Amino acid sequence: MKKAMPFIATAIFVAVVALIFFSMAKKEGPVTIVKGNTAFKPLPIKLDRTNDTECKMLIKTERNACEVIAPDGRTWFFDDPGCMILWLKDKPWADRAKLWVHTLDTKRWIDAHKAWYGVADATAMHYGFGAREKRCKGCIDFEEMRLRMLRGENLTNPKIRKKLLGV
């Protein structure tokens, strides 16, 4: 009986480790990239399960969410247009990527290049560039938004924040 005890303890230990391993293997991890999107269309975002590629935050809403689809069909997700711009800046294929943004006004996915952007909107990372399908007073086009983001001219800059919001 005493010789069997170490064997039983080892068997129980192995069973517990196996149980933990198999239970973890069944869980889906957070989504960071999806491959094979050769239709180049926006994909449904698994809210609270998808990470922004740039800032790593969980995407909690489609409001101002963005997607970048590389020429090979790889798709990345973002919670703020500013994050998308920062992430794209050094990608050699950026000019050939398909960019999508979810708009505030029509709540649809549209081509990010065709969107109009507010400069003082509430966005996930507080850059302020909320996307719209329809042009509005004070809105800027994609290229202007991109340039301002790369120059640091957004609401995270205290001087810009004071100028736009008076705070």
N, C-alpha and C. Protein backbone atom coordinates (compact mmCIF):
# COMPACT_ATOMS: atom_id res chain seq x y z
N MET A 1 0.81 -1.19 0.00
CA MET A 1 0.00 0.00 0.00
C MET A 1 0.87 1.26 0.00
N LYS A 2 1.96 1.24 0.79
CA LYS A 2 2.83 2.41 0.86
C LYS A 2 3.51 2.67 -0.47
N LYS A 3 3.81 1.59 -1.25
CA LYS A 3 4.47 1.76 -2.55
C LYS A 3 3.51 2.36 -3.57
N ALA A 4 2.23 2.13 -3.40
CA ALA A 4 1.23 2.63 -4.34
C ALA A 4 0.96 4.12 -4.16
N MET A 5 1.21 4.68 -2.99
CA MET A 5 0.91 6.08 -2.70
C MET A 5 1.63 7.06 -3.64
N PRO A 6 2.96 6.92 -3.87
CA PRO A 6 3.63 7.84 -4.79
C PRO A 6 3.05 7.74 -6.20
N PHE A 7 2.68 6.55 -6.62
CA PHE A 7 2.11 6.36 -7.95
C PHE A 7 0.75 7.06 -8.04
N ILE A 8 -0.08 6.92 -7.04
CA ILE A 8 -1.41 7.55 -7.02
C ILE A 8 -1.26 9.07 -6.99
N ALA A 9 -0.33 9.59 -6.18
CA ALA A 9 -0.11 11.04 -6.10
C ALA A 9 0.36 11.57 -7.45
N THR A 10 1.27 10.86 -8.11
CA THR A 10 1.76 11.27 -9.43
C THR A 10 0.64 11.24 -10.45
N ALA A 11 -0.19 10.19 -10.41
CA ALA A 11 -1.30 10.07 -11.35
C ALA A 11 -2.31 11.21 -11.16
N ILE A 12 -2.59 11.57 -9.92
CA ILE A 12 -3.52 12.67 -9.64
C ILE A 12 -2.93 13.98 -10.15
N PHE A 13 -1.64 14.19 -9.89
CA PHE A 13 -0.97 15.41 -10.36
C PHE A 13 -1.03 15.52 -11.88
N VAL A 14 -0.71 14.45 -12.59
CA VAL A 14 -0.76 14.44 -14.06
C VAL A 14 -2.18 14.70 -14.55
N ALA A 15 -3.17 14.12 -13.90
CA ALA A 15 -4.57 14.33 -14.29
C ALA A 15 -4.99 15.78 -14.12
N VAL A 16 -4.57 16.40 -13.02
CA VAL A 16 -4.92 17.81 -12.78
C VAL A 16 -4.26 18.70 -13.82
N VAL A 17 -2.98 18.48 -14.12
CA VAL A 17 -2.27 19.26 -15.13
C VAL A 17 -2.95 19.09 -16.50
N ALA A 18 -3.31 17.86 -16.85
CA ALA A 18 -3.98 17.61 -18.13
C ALA A 18 -5.33 18.33 -18.19
N LEU A 19 -6.07 18.29 -17.10
CA LEU A 19 -7.37 18.96 -17.04
C LEU A 19 -7.22 20.47 -17.25
N ILE A 20 -6.24 21.06 -16.60
CA ILE A 20 -5.99 22.50 -16.75
C ILE A 20 -5.60 22.81 -18.19
N PHE A 21 -4.72 22.02 -18.77
CA PHE A 21 -4.26 22.23 -20.14
C PHE A 21 -5.43 22.17 -21.12
N PHE A 22 -6.27 21.15 -21.01
CA PHE A 22 -7.39 21.00 -21.94
C PHE A 22 -8.45 22.07 -21.74
N SER A 23 -8.68 22.52 -20.53
CA SER A 23 -9.66 23.58 -20.31
C SER A 23 -9.17 24.90 -20.89
N MET A 24 -7.87 25.16 -20.83
CA MET A 24 -7.32 26.38 -21.41
C MET A 24 -7.32 26.31 -22.92
N ALA A 25 -7.12 25.16 -23.49
CA ALA A 25 -7.05 25.01 -24.94
C ALA A 25 -8.40 25.29 -25.60
N LYS A 26 -9.49 25.09 -24.90
CA LYS A 26 -10.81 25.32 -25.46
C LYS A 26 -11.19 26.80 -25.50
N LYS A 27 -10.61 27.62 -24.65
CA LYS A 27 -10.95 29.03 -24.58
C LYS A 27 -10.37 29.78 -25.77
N GLU A 28 -11.17 30.69 -26.34
CA GLU A 28 -10.67 31.54 -27.40
C GLU A 28 -9.88 32.69 -26.79
N GLY A 29 -8.72 32.95 -27.32
CA GLY A 29 -7.94 34.08 -26.86
C GLY A 29 -8.42 35.34 -27.54
N PRO A 30 -7.90 36.49 -27.16
CA PRO A 30 -8.30 37.73 -27.81
C PRO A 30 -7.90 37.74 -29.28
N VAL A 31 -8.72 38.35 -30.10
CA VAL A 31 -8.45 38.46 -31.53
C VAL A 31 -7.50 39.64 -31.73
N THR A 32 -6.44 39.43 -32.50
CA THR A 32 -5.54 40.53 -32.83
C THR A 32 -5.40 40.70 -34.34
N ILE A 33 -5.56 39.63 -35.07
CA ILE A 33 -5.43 39.67 -36.53
C ILE A 33 -6.27 38.53 -37.11
N VAL A 34 -6.83 38.78 -38.27
CA VAL A 34 -7.56 37.74 -38.99
C VAL A 34 -6.92 37.63 -40.36
N LYS A 35 -6.62 36.42 -40.77
CA LYS A 35 -6.01 36.19 -42.08
C LYS A 35 -7.07 35.75 -43.09
N GLY A 36 -6.79 35.99 -44.36
CA GLY A 36 -7.64 35.46 -45.43
C GLY A 36 -8.81 36.34 -45.83
N ASN A 37 -8.82 37.61 -45.47
CA ASN A 37 -9.92 38.50 -45.85
C ASN A 37 -9.67 39.02 -47.27
N THR A 38 -9.75 38.14 -48.24
CA THR A 38 -9.46 38.51 -49.63
C THR A 38 -10.62 39.25 -50.30
N ALA A 39 -11.77 39.34 -49.62
CA ALA A 39 -12.87 40.15 -50.13
C ALA A 39 -12.63 41.62 -49.77
N PHE A 40 -11.70 41.89 -48.85
CA PHE A 40 -11.33 43.24 -48.43
C PHE A 40 -12.52 44.03 -47.89
N LYS A 41 -13.41 43.34 -47.22
CA LYS A 41 -14.59 43.94 -46.60
C LYS A 41 -14.38 44.00 -45.09
N PRO A 42 -15.04 44.96 -44.40
CA PRO A 42 -14.90 45.00 -42.94
C PRO A 42 -15.48 43.74 -42.31
N LEU A 43 -14.78 43.22 -41.32
CA LEU A 43 -15.20 42.01 -40.62
C LEU A 43 -15.94 42.38 -39.34
N PRO A 44 -16.85 41.53 -38.90
CA PRO A 44 -17.48 41.79 -37.60
C PRO A 44 -16.43 41.77 -36.49
N ILE A 45 -16.48 42.75 -35.61
CA ILE A 45 -15.54 42.81 -34.50
C ILE A 45 -16.16 42.12 -33.29
N LYS A 46 -15.43 41.22 -32.70
CA LYS A 46 -15.88 40.57 -31.46
C LYS A 46 -15.58 41.54 -30.33
N LEU A 47 -16.62 42.32 -29.97
CA LEU A 47 -16.42 43.34 -28.93
C LEU A 47 -16.01 42.69 -27.62
N ASP A 48 -15.12 43.35 -26.91
CA ASP A 48 -14.55 42.87 -25.65
C ASP A 48 -13.71 41.60 -25.82
N ARG A 49 -13.42 41.21 -27.07
CA ARG A 49 -12.58 40.03 -27.35
C ARG A 49 -11.52 40.36 -28.40
N THR A 50 -11.53 41.60 -28.91
CA THR A 50 -10.61 42.00 -29.97
C THR A 50 -9.73 43.14 -29.46
N ASN A 51 -8.43 43.00 -29.65
CA ASN A 51 -7.49 44.03 -29.21
C ASN A 51 -7.16 45.00 -30.34
N ASP A 52 -7.04 46.28 -29.97
CA ASP A 52 -6.52 47.28 -30.88
C ASP A 52 -5.06 46.93 -31.13
N THR A 53 -4.68 46.91 -32.39
CA THR A 53 -3.32 46.51 -32.76
C THR A 53 -2.26 47.49 -32.27
N GLU A 54 -2.59 48.77 -32.21
CA GLU A 54 -1.61 49.79 -31.80
C GLU A 54 -1.54 49.95 -30.28
N CYS A 55 -2.67 50.23 -29.65
CA CYS A 55 -2.65 50.55 -28.22
C CYS A 55 -2.91 49.33 -27.33
N LYS A 56 -3.31 48.22 -27.93
CA LYS A 56 -3.55 46.93 -27.24
C LYS A 56 -4.79 46.90 -26.36
N MET A 57 -5.59 47.99 -26.35
CA MET A 57 -6.82 48.01 -25.54
C MET A 57 -7.87 47.12 -26.20
N LEU A 58 -8.76 46.58 -25.38
CA LEU A 58 -9.89 45.82 -25.93
C LEU A 58 -10.85 46.78 -26.61
N ILE A 59 -11.33 46.38 -27.76
CA ILE A 59 -12.32 47.19 -28.47
C ILE A 59 -13.68 46.90 -27.85
N LYS A 60 -14.30 47.93 -27.32
CA LYS A 60 -15.55 47.78 -26.58
C LYS A 60 -16.78 48.21 -27.37
N THR A 61 -16.57 48.96 -28.45
CA THR A 61 -17.68 49.45 -29.26
C THR A 61 -17.22 49.63 -30.69
N GLU A 62 -18.17 49.59 -31.62
CA GLU A 62 -17.83 49.86 -33.02
C GLU A 62 -17.68 51.36 -33.27
N ARG A 63 -18.11 52.19 -32.34
CA ARG A 63 -18.03 53.65 -32.48
C ARG A 63 -16.58 54.04 -32.79
N ASN A 64 -16.34 54.55 -33.97
CA ASN A 64 -15.01 54.97 -34.45
C ASN A 64 -14.02 53.84 -34.62
N ALA A 65 -14.47 52.58 -34.55
CA ALA A 65 -13.55 51.46 -34.76
C ALA A 65 -13.06 51.49 -36.21
N CYS A 66 -11.88 50.94 -36.42
CA CYS A 66 -11.28 50.92 -37.76
C CYS A 66 -10.72 49.54 -38.04
N GLU A 67 -10.59 49.25 -39.32
CA GLU A 67 -9.95 48.01 -39.76
C GLU A 67 -9.00 48.34 -40.91
N VAL A 68 -7.86 47.68 -40.89
CA VAL A 68 -6.88 47.80 -41.96
C VAL A 68 -6.72 46.42 -42.58
N ILE A 69 -6.89 46.35 -43.89
CA ILE A 69 -6.73 45.09 -44.60
C ILE A 69 -5.54 45.23 -45.55
N ALA A 70 -4.52 44.43 -45.30
CA ALA A 70 -3.32 44.44 -46.13
C ALA A 70 -3.62 43.81 -47.49
N PRO A 71 -2.78 44.06 -48.49
CA PRO A 71 -3.00 43.49 -49.81
C PRO A 71 -3.10 41.95 -49.82
N ASP A 72 -2.53 41.29 -48.81
CA ASP A 72 -2.60 39.82 -48.74
C ASP A 72 -3.81 39.32 -47.95
N GLY A 73 -4.69 40.23 -47.50
CA GLY A 73 -5.91 39.82 -46.81
C GLY A 73 -5.82 39.78 -45.29
N ARG A 74 -4.65 40.07 -44.71
CA ARG A 74 -4.57 40.14 -43.25
C ARG A 74 -5.32 41.38 -42.78
N THR A 75 -6.10 41.22 -41.70
CA THR A 75 -6.93 42.32 -41.19
C THR A 75 -6.57 42.60 -39.74
N TRP A 76 -6.33 43.88 -39.45
CA TRP A 76 -6.05 44.35 -38.09
C TRP A 76 -7.17 45.28 -37.65
N PHE A 77 -7.35 45.41 -36.33
CA PHE A 77 -8.46 46.14 -35.76
C PHE A 77 -7.97 47.26 -34.84
N PHE A 78 -8.74 48.36 -34.79
CA PHE A 78 -8.36 49.53 -34.01
C PHE A 78 -9.59 50.14 -33.35
N ASP A 79 -9.40 50.73 -32.17
CA ASP A 79 -10.53 51.35 -31.46
C ASP A 79 -10.64 52.84 -31.72
N ASP A 80 -9.68 53.42 -32.45
CA ASP A 80 -9.64 54.86 -32.66
C ASP A 80 -8.92 55.12 -33.99
N PRO A 81 -9.43 56.03 -34.82
CA PRO A 81 -8.73 56.33 -36.08
C PRO A 81 -7.28 56.75 -35.86
N GLY A 82 -7.00 57.43 -34.75
CA GLY A 82 -5.62 57.84 -34.47
C GLY A 82 -4.69 56.65 -34.30
N CYS A 83 -5.16 55.59 -33.66
CA CYS A 83 -4.34 54.38 -33.50
C CYS A 83 -4.04 53.77 -34.86
N MET A 84 -5.04 53.76 -35.73
CA MET A 84 -4.83 53.21 -37.07
C MET A 84 -3.74 53.98 -37.81
N ILE A 85 -3.79 55.30 -37.75
CA ILE A 85 -2.81 56.14 -38.44
C ILE A 85 -1.40 55.91 -37.89
N LEU A 86 -1.27 55.89 -36.57
CA LEU A 86 0.05 55.65 -35.97
C LEU A 86 0.62 54.30 -36.37
N TRP A 87 -0.23 53.27 -36.38
CA TRP A 87 0.24 51.93 -36.72
C TRP A 87 0.64 51.83 -38.19
N LEU A 88 -0.10 52.50 -39.07
CA LEU A 88 0.15 52.41 -40.51
C LEU A 88 1.38 53.17 -40.99
N LYS A 89 1.87 54.11 -40.20
CA LYS A 89 2.87 55.07 -40.70
C LYS A 89 4.13 54.45 -41.28
N ASP A 90 4.54 53.30 -40.81
CA ASP A 90 5.78 52.71 -41.33
C ASP A 90 5.57 51.41 -42.10
N LYS A 91 4.33 51.15 -42.51
CA LYS A 91 4.05 49.92 -43.27
C LYS A 91 4.32 50.20 -44.75
N PRO A 92 5.18 49.39 -45.39
CA PRO A 92 5.53 49.65 -46.79
C PRO A 92 4.34 49.51 -47.75
N TRP A 93 3.32 48.81 -47.34
CA TRP A 93 2.14 48.58 -48.19
C TRP A 93 0.96 49.46 -47.79
N ALA A 94 1.17 50.46 -46.95
CA ALA A 94 0.08 51.29 -46.41
C ALA A 94 -0.76 51.93 -47.52
N ASP A 95 -0.12 52.36 -48.60
CA ASP A 95 -0.85 53.02 -49.68
C ASP A 95 -1.72 52.04 -50.49
N ARG A 96 -1.50 50.74 -50.30
CA ARG A 96 -2.30 49.72 -51.00
C ARG A 96 -3.30 49.04 -50.07
N ALA A 97 -3.31 49.41 -48.81
CA ALA A 97 -4.21 48.79 -47.83
C ALA A 97 -5.62 49.34 -48.00
N LYS A 98 -6.60 48.52 -47.64
CA LYS A 98 -7.99 48.96 -47.60
C LYS A 98 -8.28 49.36 -46.16
N LEU A 99 -8.79 50.59 -45.96
CA LEU A 99 -9.05 51.12 -44.62
C LEU A 99 -10.55 51.33 -44.45
N TRP A 100 -11.07 50.83 -43.34
CA TRP A 100 -12.49 50.99 -43.02
C TRP A 100 -12.63 51.70 -41.69
N VAL A 101 -13.69 52.49 -41.55
CA VAL A 101 -14.00 53.15 -40.29
C VAL A 101 -15.50 53.08 -40.06
N HIS A 102 -15.89 52.91 -38.80
CA HIS A 102 -17.30 52.88 -38.43
C HIS A 102 -17.71 54.30 -38.04
N THR A 103 -18.72 54.84 -38.69
CA THR A 103 -19.06 56.25 -38.54
C THR A 103 -19.99 56.55 -37.37
N LEU A 104 -19.88 57.77 -36.89
CA LEU A 104 -20.73 58.26 -35.80
C LEU A 104 -22.14 58.59 -36.29
N ASP A 105 -22.24 59.16 -37.48
CA ASP A 105 -23.54 59.64 -37.93
C ASP A 105 -24.42 58.55 -38.54
N THR A 106 -23.89 57.73 -39.42
CA THR A 106 -24.71 56.70 -40.07
C THR A 106 -24.53 55.32 -39.45
N LYS A 107 -23.55 55.20 -38.57
CA LYS A 107 -23.26 53.93 -37.89
C LYS A 107 -23.06 52.79 -38.88
N ARG A 108 -22.29 53.12 -39.92
CA ARG A 108 -21.97 52.13 -40.96
C ARG A 108 -20.45 52.09 -41.14
N TRP A 109 -20.00 50.99 -41.73
CA TRP A 109 -18.60 50.89 -42.14
C TRP A 109 -18.46 51.56 -43.49
N ILE A 110 -17.51 52.51 -43.60
CA ILE A 110 -17.24 53.14 -44.89
C ILE A 110 -15.73 53.18 -45.11
N ASP A 111 -15.35 53.45 -46.33
CA ASP A 111 -13.95 53.63 -46.68
C ASP A 111 -13.41 54.80 -45.85
N ALA A 112 -12.37 54.57 -45.07
CA ALA A 112 -11.82 55.60 -44.19
C ALA A 112 -11.33 56.82 -44.97
N HIS A 113 -10.91 56.62 -46.22
CA HIS A 113 -10.44 57.74 -47.04
C HIS A 113 -11.59 58.67 -47.43
N LYS A 114 -12.82 58.17 -47.42
CA LYS A 114 -13.98 58.97 -47.82
C LYS A 114 -14.70 59.60 -46.63
N ALA A 115 -14.27 59.26 -45.44
CA ALA A 115 -14.92 59.77 -44.22
C ALA A 115 -14.49 61.21 -43.96
N TRP A 116 -15.32 61.89 -43.18
CA TRP A 116 -15.01 63.22 -42.65
C TRP A 116 -14.78 63.05 -41.16
N TYR A 117 -13.85 63.79 -40.61
CA TYR A 117 -13.44 63.59 -39.23
C TYR A 117 -13.61 64.87 -38.42
N GLY A 118 -14.31 64.75 -37.30
CA GLY A 118 -14.36 65.84 -36.35
C GLY A 118 -12.99 65.97 -35.71
N VAL A 119 -12.73 67.08 -35.06
CA VAL A 119 -11.41 67.27 -34.45
C VAL A 119 -11.46 67.30 -32.93
N ALA A 120 -12.66 67.26 -32.37
CA ALA A 120 -12.79 67.34 -30.91
C ALA A 120 -13.85 66.36 -30.39
N ASP A 121 -13.90 65.19 -31.01
CA ASP A 121 -14.89 64.18 -30.61
C ASP A 121 -14.34 63.30 -29.50
N ALA A 122 -15.25 62.65 -28.80
CA ALA A 122 -14.87 61.65 -27.79
C ALA A 122 -14.52 60.37 -28.54
N THR A 123 -13.25 59.99 -28.48
CA THR A 123 -12.79 58.74 -29.11
C THR A 123 -12.07 57.91 -28.05
N ALA A 124 -11.91 56.65 -28.35
CA ALA A 124 -11.37 55.70 -27.36
C ALA A 124 -10.04 56.14 -26.76
N MET A 125 -9.14 56.63 -27.58
CA MET A 125 -7.82 57.04 -27.08
C MET A 125 -7.69 58.55 -26.96
N HIS A 126 -8.81 59.26 -27.09
CA HIS A 126 -8.88 60.71 -26.87
C HIS A 126 -8.11 61.53 -27.89
N TYR A 127 -7.93 60.99 -29.10
CA TYR A 127 -7.29 61.79 -30.14
C TYR A 127 -8.27 62.82 -30.70
N GLY A 128 -9.58 62.49 -30.69
CA GLY A 128 -10.59 63.46 -31.08
C GLY A 128 -11.11 63.36 -32.50
N PHE A 129 -10.58 62.45 -33.30
CA PHE A 129 -10.97 62.37 -34.70
C PHE A 129 -12.11 61.36 -34.91
N GLY A 130 -13.33 61.81 -34.64
CA GLY A 130 -14.51 60.96 -34.85
C GLY A 130 -14.91 60.96 -36.32
N ALA A 131 -15.22 59.79 -36.84
CA ALA A 131 -15.51 59.62 -38.28
C ALA A 131 -17.00 59.84 -38.58
N ARG A 132 -17.24 60.45 -39.72
CA ARG A 132 -18.60 60.67 -40.21
C ARG A 132 -18.67 60.37 -41.69
N GLU A 133 -19.82 59.92 -42.11
CA GLU A 133 -20.02 59.68 -43.54
C GLU A 133 -20.37 60.99 -44.26
N LYS A 134 -21.13 61.84 -43.57
CA LYS A 134 -21.56 63.10 -44.17
C LYS A 134 -20.70 64.24 -43.63
N ARG A 135 -20.35 65.13 -44.53
CA ARG A 135 -19.52 66.27 -44.14
C ARG A 135 -20.26 67.13 -43.12
N CYS A 136 -19.53 67.63 -42.15
CA CYS A 136 -20.12 68.50 -41.13
C CYS A 136 -19.24 69.73 -40.95
N LYS A 137 -19.81 70.73 -40.31
CA LYS A 137 -19.06 71.96 -40.06
C LYS A 137 -17.86 71.65 -39.17
N GLY A 138 -16.70 72.11 -39.59
CA GLY A 138 -15.48 71.90 -38.82
C GLY A 138 -14.80 70.56 -39.05
N CYS A 139 -15.40 69.70 -39.86
CA CYS A 139 -14.79 68.39 -40.13
C CYS A 139 -13.66 68.53 -41.15
N ILE A 140 -12.75 67.60 -41.08
CA ILE A 140 -11.61 67.58 -42.00
C ILE A 140 -11.61 66.25 -42.75
N ASP A 141 -10.92 66.22 -43.88
CA ASP A 141 -10.87 64.98 -44.66
C ASP A 141 -9.80 64.03 -44.11
N PHE A 142 -9.71 62.85 -44.69
CA PHE A 142 -8.80 61.81 -44.21
C PHE A 142 -7.35 62.29 -44.21
N GLU A 143 -6.91 62.88 -45.30
CA GLU A 143 -5.50 63.27 -45.40
C GLU A 143 -5.13 64.32 -44.36
N GLU A 144 -6.03 65.27 -44.11
CA GLU A 144 -5.76 66.27 -43.08
C GLU A 144 -5.73 65.62 -41.70
N MET A 145 -6.65 64.70 -41.45
CA MET A 145 -6.66 63.98 -40.17
C MET A 145 -5.36 63.21 -40.00
N ARG A 146 -4.93 62.52 -41.06
CA ARG A 146 -3.68 61.75 -41.01
C ARG A 146 -2.50 62.65 -40.68
N LEU A 147 -2.41 63.77 -41.36
CA LEU A 147 -1.29 64.70 -41.13
C LEU A 147 -1.31 65.25 -39.70
N ARG A 148 -2.48 65.64 -39.23
CA ARG A 148 -2.57 66.16 -37.86
C ARG A 148 -2.19 65.10 -36.84
N MET A 149 -2.60 63.89 -37.09
CA MET A 149 -2.28 62.80 -36.16
C MET A 149 -0.77 62.57 -36.12
N LEU A 150 -0.14 62.53 -37.27
CA LEU A 150 1.31 62.29 -37.33
C LEU A 150 2.12 63.46 -36.76
N ARG A 151 1.57 64.65 -36.83
CA ARG A 151 2.25 65.83 -36.25
C ARG A 151 1.95 66.01 -34.77
N GLY A 152 1.08 65.18 -34.22
CA GLY A 152 0.72 65.29 -32.81
C GLY A 152 -0.30 66.38 -32.54
N GLU A 153 -1.01 66.81 -33.56
CA GLU A 153 -2.00 67.87 -33.43
C GLU A 153 -3.39 67.25 -33.19
N ASN A 154 -3.55 66.72 -32.00
CA ASN A 154 -4.81 66.08 -31.62
C ASN A 154 -5.09 66.41 -30.16
N LEU A 155 -6.19 65.92 -29.64
CA LEU A 155 -6.61 66.29 -28.29
C LEU A 155 -5.69 65.78 -27.18
N THR A 156 -4.76 64.90 -27.48
CA THR A 156 -3.81 64.48 -26.44
C THR A 156 -2.71 65.52 -26.24
N ASN A 157 -2.61 66.45 -27.17
CA ASN A 157 -1.65 67.55 -27.07
C ASN A 157 -2.33 68.68 -26.28
N PRO A 158 -1.78 69.06 -25.12
CA PRO A 158 -2.43 70.08 -24.28
C PRO A 158 -2.70 71.41 -25.00
N LYS A 159 -1.79 71.84 -25.87
CA LYS A 159 -1.99 73.10 -26.59
C LYS A 159 -3.18 73.00 -27.55
N ILE A 160 -3.26 71.88 -28.26
CA ILE A 160 -4.37 71.68 -29.19
C ILE A 160 -5.67 71.53 -28.42
N ARG A 161 -5.63 70.79 -27.32
CA ARG A 161 -6.82 70.59 -26.50
C ARG A 161 -7.36 71.94 -25.99
N LYS A 162 -6.47 72.79 -25.53
CA LYS A 162 -6.89 74.10 -25.03
C LYS A 162 -7.47 74.94 -26.16
N LYS A 163 -6.83 74.90 -27.32
CA LYS A 163 -7.29 75.68 -28.47
C LYS A 163 -8.68 75.23 -28.91
N LEU A 164 -8.92 73.91 -28.96
CA LEU A 164 -10.19 73.38 -29.45
C LEU A 164 -11.29 73.36 -28.40
N LEU A 165 -10.93 73.05 -27.15
CA LEU A 165 -11.93 72.87 -26.12
C LEU A 165 -11.92 73.97 -25.06
N GLY A 166 -10.88 74.80 -25.07
CA GLY A 166 -10.76 75.85 -24.07
C GLY A 166 -10.42 75.32 -22.69
N VAL A 167 -9.92 74.08 -22.64
CA VAL A 167 -9.60 73.43 -21.34
C VAL A 167 -8.10 73.26 -21.23
